[in-house]
Amino acid sequence: MKLLASWLVTTIATVVAIALVPGINAVGGSYLGPLMCALALAFVNATIRPVLNFLSLPVTILTLGIFSLVINALMLELAGSISVGLFGSGISIDSFGSAFLGSIIISLASSFINRMFETE
């Protein structure tokens, strides 16, 4: 159940990013695209991201953690490409700047939504 809730939160955050960032567009339907992208993003974050974080650890330390934003943007671009290639729907990203801004917005929106529905 928690996995499904996380997928829904990421989907909503992706919809917010599509609405706010001019270079990010839904492919294959207004809600199916973000849904498939959220699925691909979960896969990428579970498999590829840990390896990238480990390999880029020295750079991340030197930049005081700022380089992790670049990794987030790369994971979003990869997830968008995977979702469109595999499922035929997802998100298209025009530039790295759009991916960078989109990844920040997705992180902030996800945090906000999670805090809004936090149960203690």
PDB file of N, CA and C in Angstrom:
ATOM      1  N   MET A   1       0.825  -1.197   0.000  1.00  0.00           N
ATOM      2  CA  MET A   1       0.000   0.000   0.000  1.00  0.00           C
ATOM      3  C   MET A   1       0.867   1.258   0.000  1.00  0.00           C
ATOM      4  N   LYS A   2       1.981   1.197   0.755  1.00  0.00           N
ATOM      5  CA  LYS A   2       2.875   2.352   0.821  1.00  0.00           C
ATOM      6  C   LYS A   2       3.533   2.622  -0.531  1.00  0.00           C
ATOM      7  N   LEU A   3       3.846   1.552  -1.272  1.00  0.00           N
ATOM      8  CA  LEU A   3       4.434   1.691  -2.599  1.00  0.00           C
ATOM      9  C   LEU A   3       3.462   2.372  -3.557  1.00  0.00           C
ATOM     10  N   LEU A   4       2.198   2.000  -3.481  1.00  0.00           N
ATOM     11  CA  LEU A   4       1.174   2.613  -4.320  1.00  0.00           C
ATOM     12  C   LEU A   4       0.991   4.090  -3.983  1.00  0.00           C
ATOM     13  N   ALA A   5       1.018   4.417  -2.699  1.00  0.00           N
ATOM     14  CA  ALA A   5       0.902   5.813  -2.272  1.00  0.00           C
ATOM     15  C   ALA A   5       2.093   6.630  -2.762  1.00  0.00           C
ATOM     16  N   SER A   6       3.271   6.048  -2.695  1.00  0.00           N
ATOM     17  CA  SER A   6       4.473   6.735  -3.169  1.00  0.00           C
ATOM     18  C   SER A   6       4.407   6.981  -4.676  1.00  0.00           C
ATOM     19  N   TRP A   7       3.900   6.002  -5.409  1.00  0.00           N
ATOM     20  CA  TRP A   7       3.745   6.140  -6.856  1.00  0.00           C
ATOM     21  C   TRP A   7       2.751   7.255  -7.176  1.00  0.00           C
ATOM     22  N   LEU A   8       1.672   7.333  -6.435  1.00  0.00           N
ATOM     23  CA  LEU A   8       0.666   8.373  -6.643  1.00  0.00           C
ATOM     24  C   LEU A   8       1.234   9.754  -6.332  1.00  0.00           C
ATOM     25  N   VAL A   9       1.994   9.872  -5.254  1.00  0.00           N
ATOM     26  CA  VAL A   9       2.606  11.151  -4.890  1.00  0.00           C
ATOM     27  C   VAL A   9       3.580  11.606  -5.971  1.00  0.00           C
ATOM     28  N   THR A  10       4.399  10.688  -6.466  1.00  0.00           N
ATOM     29  CA  THR A  10       5.349  11.033  -7.525  1.00  0.00           C
ATOM     30  C   THR A  10       4.626  11.416  -8.807  1.00  0.00           C
ATOM     31  N   THR A  11       3.517  10.761  -9.102  1.00  0.00           N
ATOM     32  CA  THR A  11       2.723  11.105 -10.278  1.00  0.00           C
ATOM     33  C   THR A  11       2.166  12.514 -10.156  1.00  0.00           C
ATOM     34  N   ILE A  12       1.618  12.850  -9.004  1.00  0.00           N
ATOM     35  CA  ILE A  12       1.075  14.195  -8.798  1.00  0.00           C
ATOM     36  C   ILE A  12       2.188  15.235  -8.880  1.00  0.00           C
ATOM     37  N   ALA A  13       3.339  14.947  -8.297  1.00  0.00           N
ATOM     38  CA  ALA A  13       4.470  15.871  -8.356  1.00  0.00           C
ATOM     39  C   ALA A  13       4.955  16.055  -9.796  1.00  0.00           C
ATOM     40  N   THR A  14       4.898  14.997 -10.596  1.00  0.00           N
ATOM     41  CA  THR A  14       5.283  15.097 -12.005  1.00  0.00           C
ATOM     42  C   THR A  14       4.284  15.954 -12.776  1.00  0.00           C
ATOM     43  N   VAL A  15       3.005  15.837 -12.463  1.00  0.00           N
ATOM     44  CA  VAL A  15       1.982  16.684 -13.089  1.00  0.00           C
ATOM     45  C   VAL A  15       2.244  18.153 -12.757  1.00  0.00           C
ATOM     46  N   VAL A  16       2.628  18.419 -11.514  1.00  0.00           N
ATOM     47  CA  VAL A  16       2.958  19.790 -11.109  1.00  0.00           C
ATOM     48  C   VAL A  16       4.153  20.306 -11.912  1.00  0.00           C
ATOM     49  N   ALA A  17       5.167  19.470 -12.082  1.00  0.00           N
ATOM     50  CA  ALA A  17       6.354  19.871 -12.854  1.00  0.00           C
ATOM     51  C   ALA A  17       5.990  20.139 -14.315  1.00  0.00           C
ATOM     52  N   ILE A  18       5.113  19.312 -14.885  1.00  0.00           N
ATOM     53  CA  ILE A  18       4.681  19.527 -16.269  1.00  0.00           C
ATOM     54  C   ILE A  18       3.955  20.855 -16.389  1.00  0.00           C
ATOM     55  N   ALA A  19       3.152  21.187 -15.385  1.00  0.00           N
ATOM     56  CA  ALA A  19       2.398  22.439 -15.421  1.00  0.00           C
ATOM     57  C   ALA A  19       3.289  23.666 -15.242  1.00  0.00           C
ATOM     58  N   LEU A  20       4.370  23.540 -14.476  1.00  0.00           N
ATOM     59  CA  LEU A  20       5.193  24.701 -14.145  1.00  0.00           C
ATOM     60  C   LEU A  20       6.420  24.901 -15.029  1.00  0.00           C
ATOM     61  N   VAL A  21       6.972  23.831 -15.556  1.00  0.00           N
ATOM     62  CA  VAL A  21       8.218  23.943 -16.333  1.00  0.00           C
ATOM     63  C   VAL A  21       7.890  23.903 -17.819  1.00  0.00           C
ATOM     64  N   PRO A  22       8.252  24.950 -18.566  1.00  0.00           N
ATOM     65  CA  PRO A  22       7.901  25.006 -19.990  1.00  0.00           C
ATOM     66  C   PRO A  22       8.514  23.900 -20.844  1.00  0.00           C
ATOM     67  N   GLY A  23       9.658  23.378 -20.510  1.00  0.00           N
ATOM     68  CA  GLY A  23      10.324  22.385 -21.343  1.00  0.00           C
ATOM     69  C   GLY A  23       9.957  20.947 -21.053  1.00  0.00           C
ATOM     70  N   ILE A  24       8.995  20.706 -20.173  1.00  0.00           N
ATOM     71  CA  ILE A  24       8.573  19.342 -19.848  1.00  0.00           C
ATOM     72  C   ILE A  24       7.134  19.162 -20.305  1.00  0.00           C
ATOM     73  N   ASN A  25       6.905  18.126 -21.126  1.00  0.00           N
ATOM     74  CA  ASN A  25       5.576  17.880 -21.685  1.00  0.00           C
ATOM     75  C   ASN A  25       5.185  16.420 -21.496  1.00  0.00           C
ATOM     76  N   ALA A  26       3.880  16.196 -21.339  1.00  0.00           N
ATOM     77  CA  ALA A  26       3.363  14.833 -21.229  1.00  0.00           C
ATOM     78  C   ALA A  26       3.264  14.226 -22.622  1.00  0.00           C
ATOM     79  N   VAL A  27       3.632  12.958 -22.734  1.00  0.00           N
ATOM     80  CA  VAL A  27       3.542  12.224 -23.991  1.00  0.00           C
ATOM     81  C   VAL A  27       2.597  11.052 -23.767  1.00  0.00           C
ATOM     82  N   GLY A  28       1.608  10.907 -24.632  1.00  0.00           N
ATOM     83  CA  GLY A  28       0.714   9.754 -24.538  1.00  0.00           C
ATOM     84  C   GLY A  28      -0.440   9.942 -23.585  1.00  0.00           C
ATOM     85  N   GLY A  29      -0.868  11.157 -23.390  1.00  0.00           N
ATOM     86  CA  GLY A  29      -2.002  11.421 -22.505  1.00  0.00           C
ATOM     87  C   GLY A  29      -1.605  12.292 -21.344  1.00  0.00           C
ATOM     88  N   SER A  30      -2.530  13.119 -20.901  1.00  0.00           N
ATOM     89  CA  SER A  30      -2.203  14.098 -19.875  1.00  0.00           C
ATOM     90  C   SER A  30      -1.919  13.461 -18.512  1.00  0.00           C
ATOM     91  N   TYR A  31      -2.521  12.315 -18.202  1.00  0.00           N
ATOM     92  CA  TYR A  31      -2.265  11.678 -16.917  1.00  0.00           C
ATOM     93  C   TYR A  31      -1.553  10.334 -17.047  1.00  0.00           C
ATOM     94  N   LEU A  32      -1.690   9.692 -18.170  1.00  0.00           N
ATOM     95  CA  LEU A  32      -0.990   8.430 -18.376  1.00  0.00           C
ATOM     96  C   LEU A  32       0.515   8.658 -18.476  1.00  0.00           C
ATOM     97  N   GLY A  33       0.919   9.754 -19.108  1.00  0.00           N
ATOM     98  CA  GLY A  33       2.333  10.081 -19.235  1.00  0.00           C
ATOM     99  C   GLY A  33       3.030  10.233 -17.893  1.00  0.00           C
ATOM    100  N   PRO A  34       2.515  11.100 -16.994  1.00  0.00           N
ATOM    101  CA  PRO A  34       3.147  11.230 -15.678  1.00  0.00           C
ATOM    102  C   PRO A  34       3.091   9.944 -14.855  1.00  0.00           C
ATOM    103  N   LEU A  35       2.041   9.159 -15.028  1.00  0.00           N
ATOM    104  CA  LEU A  35       1.914   7.895 -14.303  1.00  0.00           C
ATOM    105  C   LEU A  35       3.020   6.921 -14.716  1.00  0.00           C
ATOM    106  N   MET A  36       3.256   6.808 -16.009  1.00  0.00           N
ATOM    107  CA  MET A  36       4.305   5.907 -16.506  1.00  0.00           C
ATOM    108  C   MET A  36       5.693   6.450 -16.186  1.00  0.00           C
ATOM    109  N   CYS A  37       5.844   7.783 -16.211  1.00  0.00           N
ATOM    110  CA  CYS A  37       7.132   8.375 -15.862  1.00  0.00           C
ATOM    111  C   CYS A  37       7.449   8.133 -14.388  1.00  0.00           C
ATOM    112  N   ALA A  38       6.444   8.225 -13.532  1.00  0.00           N
ATOM    113  CA  ALA A  38       6.657   7.966 -12.102  1.00  0.00           C
ATOM    114  C   ALA A  38       7.084   6.516 -11.876  1.00  0.00           C
ATOM    115  N   LEU A  39       6.513   5.601 -12.646  1.00  0.00           N
ATOM    116  CA  LEU A  39       6.909   4.197 -12.551  1.00  0.00           C
ATOM    117  C   LEU A  39       8.366   4.012 -12.986  1.00  0.00           C
ATOM    118  N   ALA A  40       8.732   4.637 -14.104  1.00  0.00           N
ATOM    119  CA  ALA A  40      10.114   4.546 -14.581  1.00  0.00           C
ATOM    120  C   ALA A  40      11.072   5.237 -13.613  1.00  0.00           C
ATOM    121  N   LEU A  41      10.635   6.344 -13.021  1.00  0.00           N
ATOM    122  CA  LEU A  41      11.482   7.064 -12.073  1.00  0.00           C
ATOM    123  C   LEU A  41      11.746   6.217 -10.821  1.00  0.00           C
ATOM    124  N   ALA A  42      10.746   5.488 -10.377  1.00  0.00           N
ATOM    125  CA  ALA A  42      10.934   4.591  -9.228  1.00  0.00           C
ATOM    126  C   ALA A  42      11.947   3.507  -9.565  1.00  0.00           C
ATOM    127  N   PHE A  43      11.859   2.947 -10.763  1.00  0.00           N
ATOM    128  CA  PHE A  43      12.799   1.911 -11.192  1.00  0.00           C
ATOM    129  C   PHE A  43      14.224   2.462 -11.279  1.00  0.00           C
ATOM    130  N   VAL A  44      14.373   3.630 -11.900  1.00  0.00           N
ATOM    131  CA  VAL A  44      15.694   4.249 -12.074  1.00  0.00           C
ATOM    132  C   VAL A  44      16.297   4.613 -10.722  1.00  0.00           C
ATOM    133  N   ASN A  45      15.474   5.167  -9.831  1.00  0.00           N
ATOM    134  CA  ASN A  45      15.979   5.547  -8.506  1.00  0.00           C
ATOM    135  C   ASN A  45      16.356   4.337  -7.658  1.00  0.00           C
ATOM    136  N   ALA A  46      15.737   3.209  -7.910  1.00  0.00           N
ATOM    137  CA  ALA A  46      16.053   2.007  -7.142  1.00  0.00           C
ATOM    138  C   ALA A  46      17.262   1.257  -7.687  1.00  0.00           C
ATOM    139  N   THR A  47      17.536   1.385  -8.981  1.00  0.00           N
ATOM    140  CA  THR A  47      18.611   0.586  -9.577  1.00  0.00           C
ATOM    141  C   THR A  47      19.846   1.398  -9.948  1.00  0.00           C
ATOM    142  N   ILE A  48      19.697   2.439 -10.709  1.00  0.00           N
ATOM    143  CA  ILE A  48      20.840   3.180 -11.258  1.00  0.00           C
ATOM    144  C   ILE A  48      21.344   4.265 -10.317  1.00  0.00           C
ATOM    145  N   ARG A  49      20.431   4.939  -9.638  1.00  0.00           N
ATOM    146  CA  ARG A  49      20.805   6.057  -8.780  1.00  0.00           C
ATOM    147  C   ARG A  49      21.818   5.695  -7.691  1.00  0.00           C
ATOM    148  N   PRO A  50      21.677   4.564  -6.979  1.00  0.00           N
ATOM    149  CA  PRO A  50      22.684   4.246  -5.949  1.00  0.00           C
ATOM    150  C   PRO A  50      24.105   4.109  -6.516  1.00  0.00           C
ATOM    151  N   VAL A  51      24.212   3.536  -7.690  1.00  0.00           N
ATOM    152  CA  VAL A  51      25.529   3.395  -8.323  1.00  0.00           C
ATOM    153  C   VAL A  51      26.090   4.768  -8.677  1.00  0.00           C
ATOM    154  N   LEU A  52      25.257   5.620  -9.251  1.00  0.00           N
ATOM    155  CA  LEU A  52      25.692   6.973  -9.603  1.00  0.00           C
ATOM    156  C   LEU A  52      26.073   7.778  -8.363  1.00  0.00           C
ATOM    157  N   ASN A  53      25.289   7.639  -7.300  1.00  0.00           N
ATOM    158  CA  ASN A  53      25.618   8.347  -6.058  1.00  0.00           C
ATOM    159  C   ASN A  53      26.965   7.905  -5.512  1.00  0.00           C
ATOM    160  N   PHE A  54      27.239   6.616  -5.568  1.00  0.00           N
ATOM    161  CA  PHE A  54      28.517   6.104  -5.075  1.00  0.00           C
ATOM    162  C   PHE A  54      29.683   6.611  -5.931  1.00  0.00           C
ATOM    163  N   LEU A  55      29.518   6.544  -7.255  1.00  0.00           N
ATOM    164  CA  LEU A  55      30.594   6.970  -8.150  1.00  0.00           C
ATOM    165  C   LEU A  55      30.859   8.476  -8.082  1.00  0.00           C
ATOM    166  N   SER A  56      29.824   9.247  -7.806  1.00  0.00           N
ATOM    167  CA  SER A  56      29.987  10.701  -7.782  1.00  0.00           C
ATOM    168  C   SER A  56      30.185  11.251  -6.379  1.00  0.00           C
ATOM    169  N   LEU A  57      30.403  10.387  -5.413  1.00  0.00           N
ATOM    170  CA  LEU A  57      30.553  10.827  -4.030  1.00  0.00           C
ATOM    171  C   LEU A  57      31.652  11.879  -3.850  1.00  0.00           C
ATOM    172  N   PRO A  58      32.841  11.729  -4.435  1.00  0.00           N
ATOM    173  CA  PRO A  58      33.863  12.767  -4.257  1.00  0.00           C
ATOM    174  C   PRO A  58      33.419  14.136  -4.781  1.00  0.00           C
ATOM    175  N   VAL A  59      32.767  14.149  -5.938  1.00  0.00           N
ATOM    176  CA  VAL A  59      32.302  15.414  -6.515  1.00  0.00           C
ATOM    177  C   VAL A  59      31.188  16.004  -5.655  1.00  0.00           C
ATOM    178  N   THR A  60      30.315  15.152  -5.155  1.00  0.00           N
ATOM    179  CA  THR A  60      29.225  15.614  -4.301  1.00  0.00           C
ATOM    180  C   THR A  60      29.769  16.229  -3.013  1.00  0.00           C
ATOM    181  N   ILE A  61      30.794  15.629  -2.454  1.00  0.00           N
ATOM    182  CA  ILE A  61      31.407  16.177  -1.239  1.00  0.00           C
ATOM    183  C   ILE A  61      32.079  17.509  -1.540  1.00  0.00           C
ATOM    184  N   LEU A  62      32.802  17.582  -2.657  1.00  0.00           N
ATOM    185  CA  LEU A  62      33.474  18.834  -3.020  1.00  0.00           C
ATOM    186  C   LEU A  62      32.497  19.979  -3.271  1.00  0.00           C
ATOM    187  N   THR A  63      31.325  19.661  -3.793  1.00  0.00           N
ATOM    188  CA  THR A  63      30.339  20.697  -4.087  1.00  0.00           C
ATOM    189  C   THR A  63      29.330  20.871  -2.949  1.00  0.00           C
ATOM    190  N   LEU A  64      29.608  20.250  -1.821  1.00  0.00           N
ATOM    191  CA  LEU A  64      28.751  20.334  -0.635  1.00  0.00           C
ATOM    192  C   LEU A  64      27.321  19.870  -0.917  1.00  0.00           C
ATOM    193  N   GLY A  65      27.205  18.848  -1.743  1.00  0.00           N
ATOM    194  CA  GLY A  65      25.904  18.233  -2.007  1.00  0.00           C
ATOM    195  C   GLY A  65      25.156  18.787  -3.200  1.00  0.00           C
ATOM    196  N   ILE A  66      25.637  19.858  -3.787  1.00  0.00           N
ATOM    197  CA  ILE A  66      24.928  20.480  -4.915  1.00  0.00           C
ATOM    198  C   ILE A  66      24.908  19.545  -6.130  1.00  0.00           C
ATOM    199  N   PHE A  67      25.932  18.733  -6.288  1.00  0.00           N
ATOM    200  CA  PHE A  67      25.984  17.835  -7.443  1.00  0.00           C
ATOM    201  C   PHE A  67      24.856  16.808  -7.421  1.00  0.00           C
ATOM    202  N   SER A  68      24.277  16.550  -6.265  1.00  0.00           N
ATOM    203  CA  SER A  68      23.150  15.616  -6.200  1.00  0.00           C
ATOM    204  C   SER A  68      21.948  16.149  -6.979  1.00  0.00           C
ATOM    205  N   LEU A  69      21.841  17.465  -7.130  1.00  0.00           N
ATOM    206  CA  LEU A  69      20.779  18.043  -7.964  1.00  0.00           C
ATOM    207  C   LEU A  69      20.982  17.680  -9.432  1.00  0.00           C
ATOM    208  N   VAL A  70      22.230  17.626  -9.855  1.00  0.00           N
ATOM    209  CA  VAL A  70      22.544  17.221 -11.226  1.00  0.00           C
ATOM    210  C   VAL A  70      22.165  15.755 -11.430  1.00  0.00           C
ATOM    211  N   ILE A  71      22.444  14.920 -10.451  1.00  0.00           N
ATOM    212  CA  ILE A  71      22.077  13.510 -10.541  1.00  0.00           C
ATOM    213  C   ILE A  71      20.559  13.365 -10.616  1.00  0.00           C
ATOM    214  N   ASN A  72      19.827  14.152  -9.816  1.00  0.00           N
ATOM    215  CA  ASN A  72      18.364  14.121  -9.876  1.00  0.00           C
ATOM    216  C   ASN A  72      17.863  14.458 -11.282  1.00  0.00           C
ATOM    217  N   ALA A  73      18.450  15.476 -11.892  1.00  0.00           N
ATOM    218  CA  ALA A  73      18.042  15.883 -13.240  1.00  0.00           C
ATOM    219  C   ALA A  73      18.347  14.778 -14.251  1.00  0.00           C
ATOM    220  N   LEU A  74      19.502  14.144 -14.129  1.00  0.00           N
ATOM    221  CA  LEU A  74      19.855  13.054 -15.037  1.00  0.00           C
ATOM    222  C   LEU A  74      18.898  11.869 -14.882  1.00  0.00           C
ATOM    223  N   MET A  75      18.509  11.568 -13.650  1.00  0.00           N
ATOM    224  CA  MET A  75      17.568  10.468 -13.409  1.00  0.00           C
ATOM    225  C   MET A  75      16.191  10.787 -13.993  1.00  0.00           C
ATOM    226  N   LEU A  76      15.778  12.065 -13.915  1.00  0.00           N
ATOM    227  CA  LEU A  76      14.494  12.457 -14.494  1.00  0.00           C
ATOM    228  C   LEU A  76      14.527  12.338 -16.014  1.00  0.00           C
ATOM    229  N   GLU A  77      15.629  12.777 -16.622  1.00  0.00           N
ATOM    230  CA  GLU A  77      15.754  12.637 -18.079  1.00  0.00           C
ATOM    231  C   GLU A  77      15.742  11.170 -18.498  1.00  0.00           C
ATOM    232  N   LEU A  78      16.463  10.348 -17.773  1.00  0.00           N
ATOM    233  CA  LEU A  78      16.511   8.921 -18.082  1.00  0.00           C
ATOM    234  C   LEU A  78      15.138   8.275 -17.905  1.00  0.00           C
ATOM    235  N   ALA A  79      14.446   8.623 -16.828  1.00  0.00           N
ATOM    236  CA  ALA A  79      13.113   8.068 -16.588  1.00  0.00           C
ATOM    237  C   ALA A  79      12.131   8.497 -17.673  1.00  0.00           C
ATOM    238  N   GLY A  80      12.233   9.733 -18.124  1.00  0.00           N
ATOM    239  CA  GLY A  80      11.375  10.194 -19.213  1.00  0.00           C
ATOM    240  C   GLY A  80      11.628   9.419 -20.493  1.00  0.00           C
ATOM    241  N   SER A  81      12.884   9.191 -20.809  1.00  0.00           N
ATOM    242  CA  SER A  81      13.230   8.432 -22.012  1.00  0.00           C
ATOM    243  C   SER A  81      12.792   6.979 -21.909  1.00  0.00           C
ATOM    244  N   ILE A  82      13.002   6.379 -20.752  1.00  0.00           N
ATOM    245  CA  ILE A  82      12.602   4.981 -20.555  1.00  0.00           C
ATOM    246  C   ILE A  82      11.094   4.834 -20.658  1.00  0.00           C
ATOM    247  N   SER A  83      10.365   5.745 -20.022  1.00  0.00           N
ATOM    248  CA  SER A  83       8.903   5.621 -20.023  1.00  0.00           C
ATOM    249  C   SER A  83       8.327   5.776 -21.422  1.00  0.00           C
ATOM    250  N   VAL A  84       8.848   6.706 -22.210  1.00  0.00           N
ATOM    251  CA  VAL A  84       8.356   6.879 -23.575  1.00  0.00           C
ATOM    252  C   VAL A  84       8.770   5.691 -24.435  1.00  0.00           C
ATOM    253  N   GLY A  85       9.997   5.223 -24.272  1.00  0.00           N
ATOM    254  CA  GLY A  85      10.481   4.103 -25.072  1.00  0.00           C
ATOM    255  C   GLY A  85       9.806   2.791 -24.742  1.00  0.00           C
ATOM    256  N   LEU A  86       9.570   2.540 -23.461  1.00  0.00           N
ATOM    257  CA  LEU A  86       9.011   1.263 -23.031  1.00  0.00           C
ATOM    258  C   LEU A  86       7.486   1.222 -23.104  1.00  0.00           C
ATOM    259  N   PHE A  87       6.858   2.279 -22.602  1.00  0.00           N
ATOM    260  CA  PHE A  87       5.405   2.281 -22.476  1.00  0.00           C
ATOM    261  C   PHE A  87       4.696   3.075 -23.565  1.00  0.00           C
ATOM    262  N   GLY A  88       5.446   3.889 -24.308  1.00  0.00           N
ATOM    263  CA  GLY A  88       4.829   4.737 -25.329  1.00  0.00           C
ATOM    264  C   GLY A  88       4.206   5.992 -24.753  1.00  0.00           C
ATOM    265  N   SER A  89       4.286   6.153 -23.457  1.00  0.00           N
ATOM    266  CA  SER A  89       3.804   7.374 -22.816  1.00  0.00           C
ATOM    267  C   SER A  89       4.736   7.696 -21.655  1.00  0.00           C
ATOM    268  N   GLY A  90       4.862   8.970 -21.380  1.00  0.00           N
ATOM    269  CA  GLY A  90       5.769   9.423 -20.331  1.00  0.00           C
ATOM    270  C   GLY A  90       5.885  10.925 -20.406  1.00  0.00           C
ATOM    271  N   ILE A  91       7.102  11.427 -20.255  1.00  0.00           N
ATOM    272  CA  ILE A  91       7.330  12.853 -20.397  1.00  0.00           C
ATOM    273  C   ILE A  91       8.494  13.081 -21.346  1.00  0.00           C
ATOM    274  N   SER A  92       8.425  14.183 -22.079  1.00  0.00           N
ATOM    275  CA  SER A  92       9.554  14.586 -22.913  1.00  0.00           C
ATOM    276  C   SER A  92      10.160  15.833 -22.289  1.00  0.00           C
ATOM    277  N   ILE A  93      11.476  15.879 -22.284  1.00  0.00           N
ATOM    278  CA  ILE A  93      12.198  16.989 -21.673  1.00  0.00           C
ATOM    279  C   ILE A  93      13.057  17.630 -22.753  1.00  0.00           C
ATOM    280  N   ASP A  94      12.879  18.940 -22.938  1.00  0.00           N
ATOM    281  CA  ASP A  94      13.557  19.648 -24.016  1.00  0.00           C
ATOM    282  C   ASP A  94      15.037  19.898 -23.761  1.00  0.00           C
ATOM    283  N   SER A  95      15.420  20.184 -22.514  1.00  0.00           N
ATOM    284  CA  SER A  95      16.805  20.536 -22.231  1.00  0.00           C
ATOM    285  C   SER A  95      17.193  20.089 -20.829  1.00  0.00           C
ATOM    286  N   PHE A  96      18.497  20.138 -20.563  1.00  0.00           N
ATOM    287  CA  PHE A  96      18.964  19.779 -19.234  1.00  0.00           C
ATOM    288  C   PHE A  96      18.457  20.780 -18.200  1.00  0.00           C
ATOM    289  N   GLY A  97      18.354  22.037 -18.583  1.00  0.00           N
ATOM    290  CA  GLY A  97      17.833  23.059 -17.671  1.00  0.00           C
ATOM    291  C   GLY A  97      16.406  22.752 -17.251  1.00  0.00           C
ATOM    292  N   SER A  98      15.601  22.300 -18.193  1.00  0.00           N
ATOM    293  CA  SER A  98      14.222  21.912 -17.863  1.00  0.00           C
ATOM    294  C   SER A  98      14.206  20.709 -16.929  1.00  0.00           C
ATOM    295  N   ALA A  99      15.087  19.749 -17.179  1.00  0.00           N
ATOM    296  CA  ALA A  99      15.177  18.573 -16.307  1.00  0.00           C
ATOM    297  C   ALA A  99      15.643  18.984 -14.910  1.00  0.00           C
ATOM    298  N   PHE A 100      16.590  19.897 -14.840  1.00  0.00           N
ATOM    299  CA  PHE A 100      17.110  20.374 -13.553  1.00  0.00           C
ATOM    300  C   PHE A 100      16.005  21.035 -12.740  1.00  0.00           C
ATOM    301  N   LEU A 101      15.296  21.969 -13.372  1.00  0.00           N
ATOM    302  CA  LEU A 101      14.204  22.660 -12.696  1.00  0.00           C
ATOM    303  C   LEU A 101      13.061  21.701 -12.369  1.00  0.00           C
ATOM    304  N   GLY A 102      12.764  20.798 -13.288  1.00  0.00           N
ATOM    305  CA  GLY A 102      11.709  19.812 -13.054  1.00  0.00           C
ATOM    306  C   GLY A 102      12.018  18.894 -11.899  1.00  0.00           C
ATOM    307  N   SER A 103      13.279  18.478 -11.772  1.00  0.00           N
ATOM    308  CA  SER A 103      13.638  17.587 -10.664  1.00  0.00           C
ATOM    309  C   SER A 103      13.531  18.310  -9.322  1.00  0.00           C
ATOM    310  N   ILE A 104      13.856  19.588  -9.300  1.00  0.00           N
ATOM    311  CA  ILE A 104      13.707  20.363  -8.068  1.00  0.00           C
ATOM    312  C   ILE A 104      12.234  20.486  -7.705  1.00  0.00           C
ATOM    313  N   ILE A 105      11.398  20.786  -8.697  1.00  0.00           N
ATOM    314  CA  ILE A 105       9.964  20.932  -8.446  1.00  0.00           C
ATOM    315  C   ILE A 105       9.344  19.606  -8.009  1.00  0.00           C
ATOM    316  N   ILE A 106       9.741  18.507  -8.632  1.00  0.00           N
ATOM    317  CA  ILE A 106       9.212  17.199  -8.237  1.00  0.00           C
ATOM    318  C   ILE A 106       9.615  16.877  -6.800  1.00  0.00           C
ATOM    319  N   SER A 107      10.842  17.176  -6.429  1.00  0.00           N
ATOM    320  CA  SER A 107      11.290  16.927  -5.054  1.00  0.00           C
ATOM    321  C   SER A 107      10.510  17.772  -4.055  1.00  0.00           C
ATOM    322  N   LEU A 108      10.344  19.058  -4.362  1.00  0.00           N
ATOM    323  CA  LEU A 108       9.614  19.944  -3.451  1.00  0.00           C
ATOM    324  C   LEU A 108       8.140  19.558  -3.355  1.00  0.00           C
ATOM    325  N   ALA A 109       7.524  19.271  -4.499  1.00  0.00           N
ATOM    326  CA  ALA A 109       6.103  18.895  -4.492  1.00  0.00           C
ATOM    327  C   ALA A 109       5.887  17.574  -3.764  1.00  0.00           C
ATOM    328  N   SER A 110       6.773  16.621  -3.965  1.00  0.00           N
ATOM    329  CA  SER A 110       6.653  15.336  -3.258  1.00  0.00           C
ATOM    330  C   SER A 110       6.780  15.521  -1.755  1.00  0.00           C
ATOM    331  N   SER A 111       7.743  16.336  -1.343  1.00  0.00           N
ATOM    332  CA  SER A 111       7.921  16.600   0.088  1.00  0.00           C
ATOM    333  C   SER A 111       6.685  17.277   0.667  1.00  0.00           C
ATOM    334  N   PHE A 112       6.151  18.247  -0.064  1.00  0.00           N
ATOM    335  CA  PHE A 112       4.960  18.967   0.402  1.00  0.00           C
ATOM    336  C   PHE A 112       3.764  18.029   0.529  1.00  0.00           C
ATOM    337  N   ILE A 113       3.541  17.208  -0.484  1.00  0.00           N
ATOM    338  CA  ILE A 113       2.400  16.275  -0.460  1.00  0.00           C
ATOM    339  C   ILE A 113       2.578  15.254   0.654  1.00  0.00           C
ATOM    340  N   ASN A 114       3.777  14.738   0.810  1.00  0.00           N
ATOM    341  CA  ASN A 114       4.023  13.766   1.883  1.00  0.00           C
ATOM    342  C   ASN A 114       3.788  14.365   3.262  1.00  0.00           C
ATOM    343  N   ARG A 115       4.201  15.618   3.458  1.00  0.00           N
ATOM    344  CA  ARG A 115       3.982  16.277   4.745  1.00  0.00           C
ATOM    345  C   ARG A 115       2.508  16.579   4.977  1.00  0.00           C
ATOM    346  N   MET A 116       1.787  16.881   3.896  1.00  0.00           N
ATOM    347  CA  MET A 116       0.374  17.194   4.015  1.00  0.00           C
ATOM    348  C   MET A 116      -0.424  15.981   4.495  1.00  0.00           C
ATOM    349  N   PHE A 117      -0.051  14.791   4.027  1.00  0.00           N
ATOM    350  CA  PHE A 117      -0.793  13.581   4.368  1.00  0.00           C
ATOM    351  C   PHE A 117      -0.066  12.692   5.357  1.00  0.00           C
ATOM    352  N   GLU A 118       0.863  13.271   6.080  1.00  0.00           N
ATOM    353  CA  GLU A 118       1.635  12.522   7.065  1.00  0.00           C
ATOM    354  C   GLU A 118       0.731  12.070   8.211  1.00  0.00           C
ATOM    355  N   THR A 119       0.855  10.807   8.568  1.00  0.00           N
ATOM    356  CA  THR A 119       0.069  10.289   9.693  1.00  0.00           C
ATOM    357  C   THR A 119       1.009   9.877  10.810  1.00  0.00           C
ATOM    358  N   GLU A 120       0.703  10.323  11.980  1.00  0.00           N
ATOM    359  CA  GLU A 120       1.558   9.990  13.138  1.00  0.00           C
ATOM    360  C   GLU A 120       0.747   9.423  14.248  1.00  0.00           C
TER     361      GLU A 120
END
